[in-house]
């Protein structure tokens, strides 16, 4: 693999952002799922990083997703924002479908 291919692959991998909380079992399970599938991601604990919490809320608002009944984790994949809406198995299927 040449340096340019490696750079492109690294850039692609860094486009997955997970906003969550280390007290949220769905967040912990999502991180474990991504690691198991060898999907590289950036994780922000919004309980510890209020700037990232604000960033997440802004992204949700811009995507016309209500924050009134926010459910974690929130995924930003190349600007496509989606979150766990209560059915965790379906959420994992969405991750698998979107992130290949």
PDB file of N, CA and C in Angstrom:
ATOM      1  N   UNK A   1       0.850  -1.178   0.000  1.00  0.00           N
ATOM      2  CA  UNK A   1       0.000   0.000   0.000  1.00  0.00           C
ATOM      3  C   UNK A   1       0.893   1.238   0.000  1.00  0.00           C
ATOM      4  N   UNK A   2       0.658   2.128  -0.948  1.00  0.00           N
ATOM      5  CA  UNK A   2       1.499   3.325  -1.001  1.00  0.00           C
ATOM      6  C   UNK A   2       1.020   4.375  -0.002  1.00  0.00           C
ATOM      7  N   UNK A   3       1.816   5.414   0.168  1.00  0.00           N
ATOM      8  CA  UNK A   3       1.518   6.445   1.177  1.00  0.00           C
ATOM      9  C   UNK A   3       0.190   7.146   0.886  1.00  0.00           C
ATOM     10  N   UNK A   4      -0.107   7.386  -0.402  1.00  0.00           N
ATOM     11  CA  UNK A   4      -1.354   8.075  -0.748  1.00  0.00           C
ATOM     12  C   UNK A   4      -2.564   7.211  -0.384  1.00  0.00           C
ATOM     13  N   UNK A   5      -2.513   5.907  -0.669  1.00  0.00           N
ATOM     14  CA  UNK A   5      -3.606   5.004  -0.313  1.00  0.00           C
ATOM     15  C   UNK A   5      -3.788   4.959   1.196  1.00  0.00           C
ATOM     16  N   UNK A   6      -2.678   4.893   1.910  1.00  0.00           N
ATOM     17  CA  UNK A   6      -2.728   4.848   3.363  1.00  0.00           C
ATOM     18  C   UNK A   6      -3.351   6.122   3.918  1.00  0.00           C
ATOM     19  N   UNK A   7      -2.975   7.269   3.361  1.00  0.00           N
ATOM     20  CA  UNK A   7      -3.541   8.543   3.807  1.00  0.00           C
ATOM     21  C   UNK A   7      -5.043   8.575   3.562  1.00  0.00           C
ATOM     22  N   UNK A   8      -5.483   8.148   2.372  1.00  0.00           N
ATOM     23  CA  UNK A   8      -6.922   8.138   2.064  1.00  0.00           C
ATOM     24  C   UNK A   8      -7.668   7.203   2.998  1.00  0.00           C
ATOM     25  N   UNK A   9      -7.103   6.025   3.264  1.00  0.00           N
ATOM     26  CA  UNK A   9      -7.743   5.077   4.164  1.00  0.00           C
ATOM     27  C   UNK A   9      -7.846   5.670   5.569  1.00  0.00           C
ATOM     28  N   UNK A  10      -6.784   6.303   6.031  1.00  0.00           N
ATOM     29  CA  UNK A  10      -6.785   6.927   7.352  1.00  0.00           C
ATOM     30  C   UNK A  10      -7.819   8.041   7.412  1.00  0.00           C
ATOM     31  N   UNK A  11      -7.893   8.859   6.364  1.00  0.00           N
ATOM     32  CA  UNK A  11      -8.877   9.940   6.346  1.00  0.00           C
ATOM     33  C   UNK A  11     -10.284   9.379   6.403  1.00  0.00           C
ATOM     34  N   UNK A  12     -10.557   8.307   5.679  1.00  0.00           N
ATOM     35  CA  UNK A  12     -11.882   7.694   5.682  1.00  0.00           C
ATOM     36  C   UNK A  12     -12.224   7.200   7.087  1.00  0.00           C
ATOM     37  N   UNK A  13     -11.268   6.538   7.710  1.00  0.00           N
ATOM     38  CA  UNK A  13     -11.514   5.994   9.032  1.00  0.00           C
ATOM     39  C   UNK A  13     -11.787   7.086  10.057  1.00  0.00           C
ATOM     40  N   UNK A  14     -11.161   8.213   9.923  1.00  0.00           N
ATOM     41  CA  UNK A  14     -11.319   9.283  10.904  1.00  0.00           C
ATOM     42  C   UNK A  14     -12.645  10.022  10.755  1.00  0.00           C
ATOM     43  N   UNK A  15     -13.453   9.670   9.770  1.00  0.00           N
ATOM     44  CA  UNK A  15     -14.717  10.349   9.555  1.00  0.00           C
ATOM     45  C   UNK A  15     -15.821   9.818  10.469  1.00  0.00           C
ATOM     46  N   UNK A  16     -15.557   8.776  11.221  1.00  0.00           N
ATOM     47  CA  UNK A  16     -16.561   8.215  12.127  1.00  0.00           C
ATOM     48  C   UNK A  16     -16.351   8.818  13.508  1.00  0.00           C
ATOM     49  N   UNK A  17     -17.347   9.560  13.941  1.00  0.00           N
ATOM     50  CA  UNK A  17     -17.283  10.169  15.268  1.00  0.00           C
ATOM     51  C   UNK A  17     -18.428   9.597  16.091  1.00  0.00           C
ATOM     52  N   UNK A  18     -18.119   9.152  17.286  1.00  0.00           N
ATOM     53  CA  UNK A  18     -19.125   8.638  18.204  1.00  0.00           C
ATOM     54  C   UNK A  18     -19.180   9.575  19.404  1.00  0.00           C
ATOM     55  N   UNK A  19     -20.351  10.145  19.638  1.00  0.00           N
ATOM     56  CA  UNK A  19     -20.584  10.954  20.836  1.00  0.00           C
ATOM     57  C   UNK A  19     -21.360  10.070  21.801  1.00  0.00           C
ATOM     58  N   UNK A  20     -20.879   9.981  23.021  1.00  0.00           N
ATOM     59  CA  UNK A  20     -21.553   9.126  23.982  1.00  0.00           C
ATOM     60  C   UNK A  20     -21.154   9.457  25.400  1.00  0.00           C
ATOM     61  N   UNK A  21     -21.411   8.499  26.270  1.00  0.00           N
ATOM     62  CA  UNK A  21     -21.083   8.635  27.678  1.00  0.00           C
ATOM     63  C   UNK A  21     -20.590   7.289  28.176  1.00  0.00           C
ATOM     64  N   UNK A  22     -19.561   7.311  28.985  1.00  0.00           N
ATOM     65  CA  UNK A  22     -19.047   6.058  29.531  1.00  0.00           C
ATOM     66  C   UNK A  22     -19.969   5.471  30.594  1.00  0.00           C
ATOM     67  N   UNK A  23     -21.064   6.147  30.913  1.00  0.00           N
ATOM     68  CA  UNK A  23     -22.065   5.595  31.830  1.00  0.00           C
ATOM     69  C   UNK A  23     -23.247   5.007  31.050  1.00  0.00           C
ATOM     70  N   UNK A  24     -23.188   5.055  29.733  1.00  0.00           N
ATOM     71  CA  UNK A  24     -24.261   4.575  28.853  1.00  0.00           C
ATOM     72  C   UNK A  24     -23.871   3.203  28.306  1.00  0.00           C
ATOM     73  N   UNK A  25     -24.649   2.180  28.647  1.00  0.00           N
ATOM     74  CA  UNK A  25     -24.272   0.836  28.196  1.00  0.00           C
ATOM     75  C   UNK A  25     -24.363   0.699  26.683  1.00  0.00           C
ATOM     76  N   UNK A  26     -25.276   1.427  26.022  1.00  0.00           N
ATOM     77  CA  UNK A  26     -25.331   1.381  24.556  1.00  0.00           C
ATOM     78  C   UNK A  26     -24.066   1.993  23.943  1.00  0.00           C
ATOM     79  N   UNK A  27     -23.540   3.015  24.576  1.00  0.00           N
ATOM     80  CA  UNK A  27     -22.301   3.644  24.093  1.00  0.00           C
ATOM     81  C   UNK A  27     -21.129   2.686  24.231  1.00  0.00           C
ATOM     82  N   UNK A  28     -21.057   2.028  25.363  1.00  0.00           N
ATOM     83  CA  UNK A  28     -19.987   1.062  25.614  1.00  0.00           C
ATOM     84  C   UNK A  28     -20.098  -0.098  24.623  1.00  0.00           C
ATOM     85  N   UNK A  29     -21.318  -0.569  24.388  1.00  0.00           N
ATOM     86  CA  UNK A  29     -21.530  -1.673  23.444  1.00  0.00           C
ATOM     87  C   UNK A  29     -21.234  -1.241  22.012  1.00  0.00           C
ATOM     88  N   UNK A  30     -21.546   0.006  21.664  1.00  0.00           N
ATOM     89  CA  UNK A  30     -21.251   0.512  20.321  1.00  0.00           C
ATOM     90  C   UNK A  30     -19.743   0.567  20.104  1.00  0.00           C
ATOM     91  N   UNK A  31     -19.011   1.062  21.088  1.00  0.00           N
ATOM     92  CA  UNK A  31     -17.546   1.103  20.972  1.00  0.00           C
ATOM     93  C   UNK A  31     -16.989  -0.314  20.810  1.00  0.00           C
ATOM     94  N   UNK A  32     -17.504  -1.253  21.589  1.00  0.00           N
ATOM     95  CA  UNK A  32     -17.041  -2.640  21.499  1.00  0.00           C
ATOM     96  C   UNK A  32     -17.362  -3.227  20.126  1.00  0.00           C
ATOM     97  N   UNK A  33     -18.543  -2.932  19.601  1.00  0.00           N
ATOM     98  CA  UNK A  33     -18.951  -3.410  18.283  1.00  0.00           C
ATOM     99  C   UNK A  33     -18.018  -2.876  17.197  1.00  0.00           C
ATOM    100  N   UNK A  34     -17.741  -1.575  17.231  1.00  0.00           N
ATOM    101  CA  UNK A  34     -16.856  -0.969  16.230  1.00  0.00           C
ATOM    102  C   UNK A  34     -15.451  -1.558  16.311  1.00  0.00           C
ATOM    103  N   UNK A  35     -14.955  -1.758  17.527  1.00  0.00           N
ATOM    104  CA  UNK A  35     -13.628  -2.357  17.699  1.00  0.00           C
ATOM    105  C   UNK A  35     -13.621  -3.791  17.180  1.00  0.00           C
ATOM    106  N   UNK A  36     -14.674  -4.548  17.473  1.00  0.00           N
ATOM    107  CA  UNK A  36     -14.780  -5.937  17.020  1.00  0.00           C
ATOM    108  C   UNK A  36     -14.766  -6.019  15.490  1.00  0.00           C
ATOM    109  N   UNK A  37     -15.375  -5.045  14.841  1.00  0.00           N
ATOM    110  CA  UNK A  37     -15.456  -5.013  13.372  1.00  0.00           C
ATOM    111  C   UNK A  37     -14.238  -4.315  12.752  1.00  0.00           C
ATOM    112  N   UNK A  38     -13.271  -3.934  13.589  1.00  0.00           N
ATOM    113  CA  UNK A  38     -12.065  -3.214  13.139  1.00  0.00           C
ATOM    114  C   UNK A  38     -12.404  -1.929  12.405  1.00  0.00           C
ATOM    115  N   UNK A  39     -13.414  -1.240  12.900  1.00  0.00           N
ATOM    116  CA  UNK A  39     -13.817   0.054  12.350  1.00  0.00           C
ATOM    117  C   UNK A  39     -13.218   1.127  13.254  1.00  0.00           C
ATOM    118  N   UNK A  40     -12.333   1.930  12.695  1.00  0.00           N
ATOM    119  CA  UNK A  40     -11.685   2.978  13.476  1.00  0.00           C
ATOM    120  C   UNK A  40     -12.647   4.149  13.653  1.00  0.00           C
ATOM    121  N   UNK A  41     -12.614   4.737  14.836  1.00  0.00           N
ATOM    122  CA  UNK A  41     -13.531   5.829  15.144  1.00  0.00           C
ATOM    123  C   UNK A  41     -12.902   6.752  16.169  1.00  0.00           C
ATOM    124  N   UNK A  42     -13.494   7.925  16.273  1.00  0.00           N
ATOM    125  CA  UNK A  42     -13.117   8.889  17.308  1.00  0.00           C
ATOM    126  C   UNK A  42     -14.276   8.915  18.293  1.00  0.00           C
ATOM    127  N   UNK A  43     -13.981   8.808  19.570  1.00  0.00           N
ATOM    128  CA  UNK A  43     -15.026   8.783  20.593  1.00  0.00           C
ATOM    129  C   UNK A  43     -14.892   9.992  21.495  1.00  0.00           C
ATOM    130  N   UNK A  44     -16.021  10.647  21.726  1.00  0.00           N
ATOM    131  CA  UNK A  44     -16.055  11.772  22.671  1.00  0.00           C
ATOM    132  C   UNK A  44     -17.062  11.474  23.767  1.00  0.00           C
ATOM    133  N   UNK A  45     -16.604  11.504  25.000  1.00  0.00           N
ATOM    134  CA  UNK A  45     -17.489  11.352  26.155  1.00  0.00           C
ATOM    135  C   UNK A  45     -18.061  12.735  26.456  1.00  0.00           C
ATOM    136  N   UNK A  46     -19.341  12.905  26.164  1.00  0.00           N
ATOM    137  CA  UNK A  46     -19.942  14.240  26.304  1.00  0.00           C
ATOM    138  C   UNK A  46     -20.153  14.638  27.762  1.00  0.00           C
ATOM    139  N   UNK A  47     -20.027  13.681  28.675  1.00  0.00           N
ATOM    140  CA  UNK A  47     -20.093  14.035  30.099  1.00  0.00           C
ATOM    141  C   UNK A  47     -18.815  14.757  30.530  1.00  0.00           C
ATOM    142  N   UNK A  48     -17.713  14.424  29.878  1.00  0.00           N
ATOM    143  CA  UNK A  48     -16.415  14.992  30.245  1.00  0.00           C
ATOM    144  C   UNK A  48     -15.988  16.141  29.336  1.00  0.00           C
ATOM    145  N   UNK A  49     -16.548  16.179  28.124  1.00  0.00           N
ATOM    146  CA  UNK A  49     -16.127  17.169  27.142  1.00  0.00           C
ATOM    147  C   UNK A  49     -17.346  17.979  26.691  1.00  0.00           C
ATOM    148  N   UNK A  50     -17.608  19.058  27.396  1.00  0.00           N
ATOM    149  CA  UNK A  50     -18.798  19.879  27.125  1.00  0.00           C
ATOM    150  C   UNK A  50     -18.741  20.562  25.764  1.00  0.00           C
ATOM    151  N   UNK A  51     -17.537  20.854  25.276  1.00  0.00           N
ATOM    152  CA  UNK A  51     -17.411  21.453  23.936  1.00  0.00           C
ATOM    153  C   UNK A  51     -17.902  20.465  22.883  1.00  0.00           C
ATOM    154  N   UNK A  52     -17.589  19.187  23.060  1.00  0.00           N
ATOM    155  CA  UNK A  52     -18.040  18.163  22.116  1.00  0.00           C
ATOM    156  C   UNK A  52     -19.542  17.907  22.272  1.00  0.00           C
ATOM    157  N   UNK A  53     -20.055  18.055  23.484  1.00  0.00           N
ATOM    158  CA  UNK A  53     -21.503  17.940  23.686  1.00  0.00           C
ATOM    159  C   UNK A  53     -22.215  19.037  22.890  1.00  0.00           C
ATOM    160  N   UNK A  54     -21.710  20.253  22.965  1.00  0.00           N
ATOM    161  CA  UNK A  54     -22.275  21.370  22.210  1.00  0.00           C
ATOM    162  C   UNK A  54     -22.166  21.109  20.712  1.00  0.00           C
ATOM    163  N   UNK A  55     -21.010  20.602  20.274  1.00  0.00           N
ATOM    164  CA  UNK A  55     -20.808  20.268  18.862  1.00  0.00           C
ATOM    165  C   UNK A  55     -21.839  19.235  18.407  1.00  0.00           C
ATOM    166  N   UNK A  56     -22.078  18.213  19.224  1.00  0.00           N
ATOM    167  CA  UNK A  56     -23.049  17.169  18.905  1.00  0.00           C
ATOM    168  C   UNK A  56     -24.454  17.754  18.784  1.00  0.00           C
ATOM    169  N   UNK A  57     -24.834  18.585  19.726  1.00  0.00           N
ATOM    170  CA  UNK A  57     -26.169  19.194  19.712  1.00  0.00           C
ATOM    171  C   UNK A  57     -26.338  20.070  18.480  1.00  0.00           C
ATOM    172  N   UNK A  58     -25.310  20.797  18.123  1.00  0.00           N
ATOM    173  CA  UNK A  58     -25.352  21.627  16.907  1.00  0.00           C
ATOM    174  C   UNK A  58     -25.553  20.757  15.674  1.00  0.00           C
ATOM    175  N   UNK A  59     -24.828  19.647  15.588  1.00  0.00           N
ATOM    176  CA  UNK A  59     -24.966  18.749  14.442  1.00  0.00           C
ATOM    177  C   UNK A  59     -26.372  18.153  14.383  1.00  0.00           C
ATOM    178  N   UNK A  60     -26.904  17.760  15.538  1.00  0.00           N
ATOM    179  CA  UNK A  60     -28.268  17.214  15.568  1.00  0.00           C
ATOM    180  C   UNK A  60     -29.281  18.253  15.116  1.00  0.00           C
ATOM    181  N   UNK A  61     -29.138  19.467  15.620  1.00  0.00           N
ATOM    182  CA  UNK A  61     -30.044  20.553  15.259  1.00  0.00           C
ATOM    183  C   UNK A  61     -29.965  20.850  13.765  1.00  0.00           C
ATOM    184  N   UNK A  62     -28.762  20.914  13.233  1.00  0.00           N
ATOM    185  CA  UNK A  62     -28.568  21.175  11.800  1.00  0.00           C
ATOM    186  C   UNK A  62     -29.146  20.060  10.941  1.00  0.00           C
ATOM    187  N   UNK A  63     -29.196  18.838  11.474  1.00  0.00           N
ATOM    188  CA  UNK A  63     -29.750  17.696  10.748  1.00  0.00           C
ATOM    189  C   UNK A  63     -31.250  17.540  11.003  1.00  0.00           C
ATOM    190  N   UNK A  64     -31.845  18.523  11.687  1.00  0.00           N
ATOM    191  CA  UNK A  64     -33.276  18.512  12.024  1.00  0.00           C
ATOM    192  C   UNK A  64     -33.665  17.292  12.865  1.00  0.00           C
ATOM    193  N   UNK A  65     -32.769  16.892  13.760  1.00  0.00           N
ATOM    194  CA  UNK A  65     -33.045  15.800  14.687  1.00  0.00           C
ATOM    195  C   UNK A  65     -33.303  16.420  16.055  1.00  0.00           C
ATOM    196  N   UNK A  66     -34.450  16.104  16.613  1.00  0.00           N
ATOM    197  CA  UNK A  66     -34.839  16.685  17.896  1.00  0.00           C
ATOM    198  C   UNK A  66     -33.902  16.228  19.012  1.00  0.00           C
ATOM    199  N   UNK A  67     -33.532  17.166  19.854  1.00  0.00           N
ATOM    200  CA  UNK A  67     -32.709  16.828  21.021  1.00  0.00           C
ATOM    201  C   UNK A  67     -33.581  16.699  22.275  1.00  0.00           C
ATOM    202  N   UNK A  68     -34.907  16.836  22.099  1.00  0.00           N
ATOM    203  CA  UNK A  68     -35.822  16.766  23.237  1.00  0.00           C
ATOM    204  C   UNK A  68     -35.780  15.400  23.914  1.00  0.00           C
ATOM    205  N   UNK A  69     -35.676  14.354  23.124  1.00  0.00           N
ATOM    206  CA  UNK A  69     -35.600  13.009  23.702  1.00  0.00           C
ATOM    207  C   UNK A  69     -34.342  12.317  23.177  1.00  0.00           C
ATOM    208  N   UNK A  70     -33.225  12.967  23.420  1.00  0.00           N
ATOM    209  CA  UNK A  70     -31.933  12.513  22.920  1.00  0.00           C
ATOM    210  C   UNK A  70     -31.586  11.132  23.466  1.00  0.00           C
ATOM    211  N   UNK A  71     -31.126  10.277  22.582  1.00  0.00           N
ATOM    212  CA  UNK A  71     -30.707   8.936  22.945  1.00  0.00           C
ATOM    213  C   UNK A  71     -29.279   8.740  22.445  1.00  0.00           C
ATOM    214  N   UNK A  72     -28.423   8.283  23.315  1.00  0.00           N
ATOM    215  CA  UNK A  72     -27.029   8.049  22.955  1.00  0.00           C
ATOM    216  C   UNK A  72     -26.834   6.601  22.557  1.00  0.00           C
ATOM    217  N   UNK A  73     -25.804   6.320  21.783  1.00  0.00           N
ATOM    218  CA  UNK A  73     -24.823   7.222  21.216  1.00  0.00           C
ATOM    219  C   UNK A  73     -25.325   7.919  19.956  1.00  0.00           C
ATOM    220  N   UNK A  74     -24.617   8.981  19.596  1.00  0.00           N
ATOM    221  CA  UNK A  74     -24.864   9.705  18.354  1.00  0.00           C
ATOM    222  C   UNK A  74     -23.646   9.464  17.470  1.00  0.00           C
ATOM    223  N   UNK A  75     -23.903   9.106  16.214  1.00  0.00           N
ATOM    224  CA  UNK A  75     -22.835   8.834  15.256  1.00  0.00           C
ATOM    225  C   UNK A  75     -22.844   9.915  14.185  1.00  0.00           C
ATOM    226  N   UNK A  76     -21.672  10.406  13.859  1.00  0.00           N
ATOM    227  CA  UNK A  76     -21.483  11.308  12.721  1.00  0.00           C
ATOM    228  C   UNK A  76     -20.559  10.561  11.769  1.00  0.00           C
ATOM    229  N   UNK A  77     -21.126  10.118  10.654  1.00  0.00           N
ATOM    230  CA  UNK A  77     -20.339   9.427   9.641  1.00  0.00           C
ATOM    231  C   UNK A  77     -20.374  10.244   8.363  1.00  0.00           C
ATOM    232  N   UNK A  78     -19.283  10.960   8.113  1.00  0.00           N
ATOM    233  CA  UNK A  78     -19.155  11.808   6.931  1.00  0.00           C
ATOM    234  C   UNK A  78     -20.303  12.803   6.827  1.00  0.00           C
ATOM    235  N   UNK A  79     -20.727  13.332   7.967  1.00  0.00           N
ATOM    236  CA  UNK A  79     -21.792  14.328   7.981  1.00  0.00           C
ATOM    237  C   UNK A  79     -23.185  13.742   8.083  1.00  0.00           C
ATOM    238  N   UNK A  80     -23.300  12.429   8.003  1.00  0.00           N
ATOM    239  CA  UNK A  80     -24.589  11.749   8.176  1.00  0.00           C
ATOM    240  C   UNK A  80     -24.747  11.475   9.667  1.00  0.00           C
ATOM    241  N   UNK A  81     -25.728  12.114  10.275  1.00  0.00           N
ATOM    242  CA  UNK A  81     -25.923  12.009  11.720  1.00  0.00           C
ATOM    243  C   UNK A  81     -27.050  11.026  12.001  1.00  0.00           C
ATOM    244  N   UNK A  82     -26.782  10.062  12.867  1.00  0.00           N
ATOM    245  CA  UNK A  82     -27.843   9.139  13.276  1.00  0.00           C
ATOM    246  C   UNK A  82     -27.575   8.691  14.709  1.00  0.00           C
ATOM    247  N   UNK A  83     -28.630   8.189  15.348  1.00  0.00           N
ATOM    248  CA  UNK A  83     -28.512   7.826  16.751  1.00  0.00           C
ATOM    249  C   UNK A  83     -29.347   6.603  17.066  1.00  0.00           C
ATOM    250  N   UNK A  84     -29.106   6.067  18.227  1.00  0.00           N
ATOM    251  CA  UNK A  84     -29.862   4.932  18.724  1.00  0.00           C
ATOM    252  C   UNK A  84     -31.252   5.421  19.100  1.00  0.00           C
ATOM    253  N   UNK A  85     -32.264   4.906  18.419  1.00  0.00           N
ATOM    254  CA  UNK A  85     -33.642   5.365  18.672  1.00  0.00           C
ATOM    255  C   UNK A  85     -34.415   4.404  19.559  1.00  0.00           C
ATOM    256  N   UNK A  86     -33.703   3.543  20.278  1.00  0.00           N
ATOM    257  CA  UNK A  86     -34.383   2.653  21.209  1.00  0.00           C
ATOM    258  C   UNK A  86     -34.236   1.179  20.880  1.00  0.00           C
ATOM    259  N   UNK A  87     -34.136   0.836  19.590  1.00  0.00           N
ATOM    260  CA  UNK A  87     -33.924  -0.551  19.201  1.00  0.00           C
ATOM    261  C   UNK A  87     -32.446  -0.705  18.860  1.00  0.00           C
ATOM    262  N   UNK A  88     -31.671  -1.176  19.818  1.00  0.00           N
ATOM    263  CA  UNK A  88     -30.215  -1.197  19.668  1.00  0.00           C
ATOM    264  C   UNK A  88     -29.761  -2.126  18.547  1.00  0.00           C
ATOM    265  N   UNK A  89     -30.431  -3.249  18.371  1.00  0.00           N
ATOM    266  CA  UNK A  89     -30.058  -4.166  17.286  1.00  0.00           C
ATOM    267  C   UNK A  89     -30.238  -3.489  15.927  1.00  0.00           C
ATOM    268  N   UNK A  90     -31.316  -2.730  15.776  1.00  0.00           N
ATOM    269  CA  UNK A  90     -31.536  -1.988  14.526  1.00  0.00           C
ATOM    270  C   UNK A  90     -30.463  -0.913  14.338  1.00  0.00           C
ATOM    271  N   UNK A  91     -30.085  -0.273  15.422  1.00  0.00           N
ATOM    272  CA  UNK A  91     -29.033   0.743  15.389  1.00  0.00           C
ATOM    273  C   UNK A  91     -27.723   0.143  14.887  1.00  0.00           C
ATOM    274  N   UNK A  92     -27.379  -1.049  15.382  1.00  0.00           N
ATOM    275  CA  UNK A  92     -26.143  -1.715  14.927  1.00  0.00           C
ATOM    276  C   UNK A  92     -26.242  -2.078  13.447  1.00  0.00           C
ATOM    277  N   UNK A  93     -27.441  -2.461  12.989  1.00  0.00           N
ATOM    278  CA  UNK A  93     -27.624  -2.754  11.562  1.00  0.00           C
ATOM    279  C   UNK A  93     -27.431  -1.504  10.712  1.00  0.00           C
ATOM    280  N   UNK A  94     -27.891  -0.364  11.227  1.00  0.00           N
ATOM    281  CA  UNK A  94     -27.697   0.909  10.500  1.00  0.00           C
ATOM    282  C   UNK A  94     -26.211   1.208  10.405  1.00  0.00           C
ATOM    283  N   UNK A  95     -25.479   1.022  11.494  1.00  0.00           N
ATOM    284  CA  UNK A  95     -24.034   1.243  11.471  1.00  0.00           C
ATOM    285  C   UNK A  95     -23.395   0.338  10.423  1.00  0.00           C
ATOM    286  N   UNK A  96     -23.753  -0.936  10.435  1.00  0.00           N
ATOM    287  CA  UNK A  96     -23.160  -1.889   9.513  1.00  0.00           C
ATOM    288  C   UNK A  96     -23.482  -1.529   8.063  1.00  0.00           C
ATOM    289  N   UNK A  97     -24.694  -1.060   7.808  1.00  0.00           N
ATOM    290  CA  UNK A  97     -25.105  -0.693   6.459  1.00  0.00           C
ATOM    291  C   UNK A  97     -24.387   0.560   5.962  1.00  0.00           C
ATOM    292  N   UNK A  98     -24.287   1.578   6.820  1.00  0.00           N
ATOM    293  CA  UNK A  98     -23.710   2.850   6.416  1.00  0.00           C
ATOM    294  C   UNK A  98     -22.191   2.827   6.349  1.00  0.00           C
ATOM    295  N   UNK A  99     -21.574   2.096   7.263  1.00  0.00           N
ATOM    296  CA  UNK A  99     -20.117   2.104   7.378  1.00  0.00           C
ATOM    297  C   UNK A  99     -19.575   0.787   6.847  1.00  0.00           C
ATOM    298  N   UNK A 100     -19.037   0.839   5.667  1.00  0.00           N
ATOM    299  CA  UNK A 100     -18.510  -0.388   5.067  1.00  0.00           C
ATOM    300  C   UNK A 100     -17.042  -0.289   4.846  1.00  0.00           C
TER     301      UNK A 100
END
